Amino acid sequence: MPKAPAGKTAPKHKFVIDYSKPAADGVFDGADFEKFLHDRIKVEGKAGQLGDAVKITREGQNKITVSSNIPFSKRYLKYLTKKFLKKNQLRDWIRVVASSKDNYQLKFYNIDAGDADDEE
């Protein structure tokens, strides 16, 4: 079997996390989330040492983009997002939903149905 050329890199992965709804209500801090991801994402088994392999950028006030030149799982990003929500005691109100193949969106749980029964 011929080996792959040494000059080629792994396919680039790009994931977007949209937190516009919680940020609009003022319960979610995008800068804190960006720092959390930077400190927690592991590259070659070491957390916080991203180097050129992984880049985290904030787009505007409502989105964070994670770009990677190494194999990177979308599920790992969801895991870290849920961990951040749990750490900040937001996990009971906000959920992480995949809005497309490479996008996640943070949404509030729909609790309106439960309130209608209490009013009767």
Protein backbone atom coordinates (compact mmCIF):
# COMPACT_ATOMS: atom_id res chain seq x y z
CA MET A 1 0.00 0.00 0.00
CA PRO A 2 1.39 3.42 -0.90
CA LYS A 3 1.62 5.89 1.92
CA ALA A 4 0.01 9.31 1.82
CA PRO A 5 2.31 12.19 0.93
CA ALA A 6 3.95 13.75 3.98
CA GLY A 7 3.02 17.29 2.93
CA LYS A 8 -0.75 16.71 3.19
CA THR A 9 -2.58 17.53 6.39
CA ALA A 10 -5.77 16.04 7.77
CA PRO A 11 -9.00 17.61 6.52
CA LYS A 12 -9.85 20.84 8.26
CA HIS A 13 -12.81 20.82 10.63
CA LYS A 14 -14.83 23.93 11.41
CA PHE A 15 -17.60 23.99 13.99
CA VAL A 16 -19.79 26.91 15.05
CA ILE A 17 -21.59 27.33 18.38
CA ASP A 18 -24.41 29.88 18.31
CA TYR A 19 -25.36 31.19 21.75
CA SER A 20 -27.43 34.20 20.64
CA LYS A 21 -30.60 33.39 22.63
CA PRO A 22 -28.98 32.94 26.08
CA ALA A 23 -26.65 35.90 25.43
CA ALA A 24 -29.62 38.13 24.56
CA ASP A 25 -31.12 37.36 27.99
CA GLY A 26 -27.80 38.10 29.68
CA VAL A 27 -27.34 34.66 31.28
CA PHE A 28 -24.46 33.52 29.05
CA ASP A 29 -20.98 35.08 28.87
CA GLY A 30 -19.31 34.46 25.51
CA ALA A 31 -15.84 35.58 26.63
CA ASP A 32 -15.93 33.21 29.60
CA PHE A 33 -17.04 30.35 27.32
CA GLU A 34 -14.22 31.09 24.86
CA LYS A 35 -11.66 31.00 27.68
CA PHE A 36 -13.17 27.75 29.00
CA LEU A 37 -12.83 26.10 25.58
CA HIS A 38 -9.26 27.35 25.22
CA ASP A 39 -8.31 25.93 28.62
CA ARG A 40 -10.12 22.59 28.24
CA ILE A 41 -9.66 21.42 24.64
CA LYS A 42 -7.04 18.69 24.55
CA VAL A 43 -4.48 18.39 21.78
CA GLU A 44 -2.33 15.25 21.93
CA GLY A 45 -3.54 14.58 25.47
CA LYS A 46 -2.63 18.00 26.84
CA ALA A 47 -5.28 20.55 27.77
CA GLY A 48 -4.76 24.22 27.00
CA GLN A 49 -1.89 23.76 24.53
CA LEU A 50 -3.69 24.34 21.25
CA GLY A 51 -0.81 25.71 19.19
CA ASP A 52 -1.63 25.95 15.50
CA ALA A 53 -3.74 22.79 15.55
CA VAL A 54 -6.94 24.34 16.95
CA LYS A 55 -8.13 27.94 16.67
CA ILE A 56 -11.00 29.43 18.67
CA THR A 57 -12.47 32.70 17.41
CA ARG A 58 -15.50 34.73 18.42
CA GLU A 59 -17.68 36.01 15.59
CA GLY A 60 -19.57 39.08 16.72
CA GLN A 61 -21.36 38.77 20.05
CA ASN A 62 -23.24 35.52 19.46
CA LYS A 63 -21.02 32.87 17.86
CA ILE A 64 -17.81 30.98 18.55
CA THR A 65 -15.98 29.15 15.77
CA VAL A 66 -13.61 26.27 16.47
CA SER A 67 -11.33 25.41 13.53
CA SER A 68 -9.03 22.41 13.61
CA ASN A 69 -6.29 20.99 11.38
CA ILE A 70 -6.23 17.74 13.36
CA PRO A 71 -9.03 15.20 13.73
CA PHE A 72 -11.60 16.86 15.98
CA SER A 73 -14.98 15.52 17.05
CA LYS A 74 -18.15 17.58 17.02
CA ARG A 75 -19.34 15.43 19.91
CA TYR A 76 -16.30 16.50 21.98
CA LEU A 77 -17.32 20.12 21.47
CA LYS A 78 -20.84 19.32 22.65
CA TYR A 79 -19.39 17.55 25.70
CA LEU A 80 -17.30 20.60 26.62
CA THR A 81 -20.25 22.95 26.07
CA LYS A 82 -22.44 20.88 28.38
CA LYS A 83 -19.64 20.82 30.94
CA PHE A 84 -19.44 24.63 30.81
CA LEU A 85 -23.20 24.93 31.29
CA LYS A 86 -23.08 22.57 34.28
CA LYS A 87 -20.19 24.50 35.82
CA ASN A 88 -22.14 27.75 35.58
CA GLN A 89 -25.40 26.13 36.78
CA LEU A 90 -27.14 26.75 33.45
CA ARG A 91 -27.58 23.11 32.46
CA ASP A 92 -31.14 22.97 33.85
CA TRP A 93 -32.31 25.80 31.57
CA ILE A 94 -30.18 25.62 28.42
CA ARG A 95 -29.64 22.71 26.04
CA VAL A 96 -27.23 22.12 23.18
CA VAL A 97 -28.93 21.34 19.86
CA ALA A 98 -27.32 20.47 16.52
CA SER A 99 -28.79 22.89 14.00
CA SER A 100 -26.79 21.55 11.03
CA LYS A 101 -23.87 19.26 10.23
CA ASP A 102 -21.26 21.59 11.69
CA ASN A 103 -23.33 23.92 13.91
CA TYR A 104 -24.56 23.78 17.47
CA GLN A 105 -27.12 26.13 18.93
CA LEU A 106 -27.83 26.85 22.59
CA LYS A 107 -31.56 27.00 23.30
CA PHE A 108 -33.70 27.32 26.39
CA TYR A 109 -35.79 24.32 27.37
CA ASN A 110 -39.46 24.76 26.50
CA ILE A 111 -41.05 24.97 29.95
CA ASP A 112 -44.25 26.78 28.93
CA ALA A 113 -46.30 23.55 28.77
CA GLY A 114 -45.62 22.79 32.45
CA ASP A 115 -46.71 26.25 33.59
CA ALA A 116 -50.14 25.96 31.93
CA ASP A 117 -51.13 23.07 34.21
CA ASP A 118 -50.21 24.99 37.37
CA GLU A 119 -52.51 27.90 36.56
CA GLU A 120 -55.71 25.80 36.59
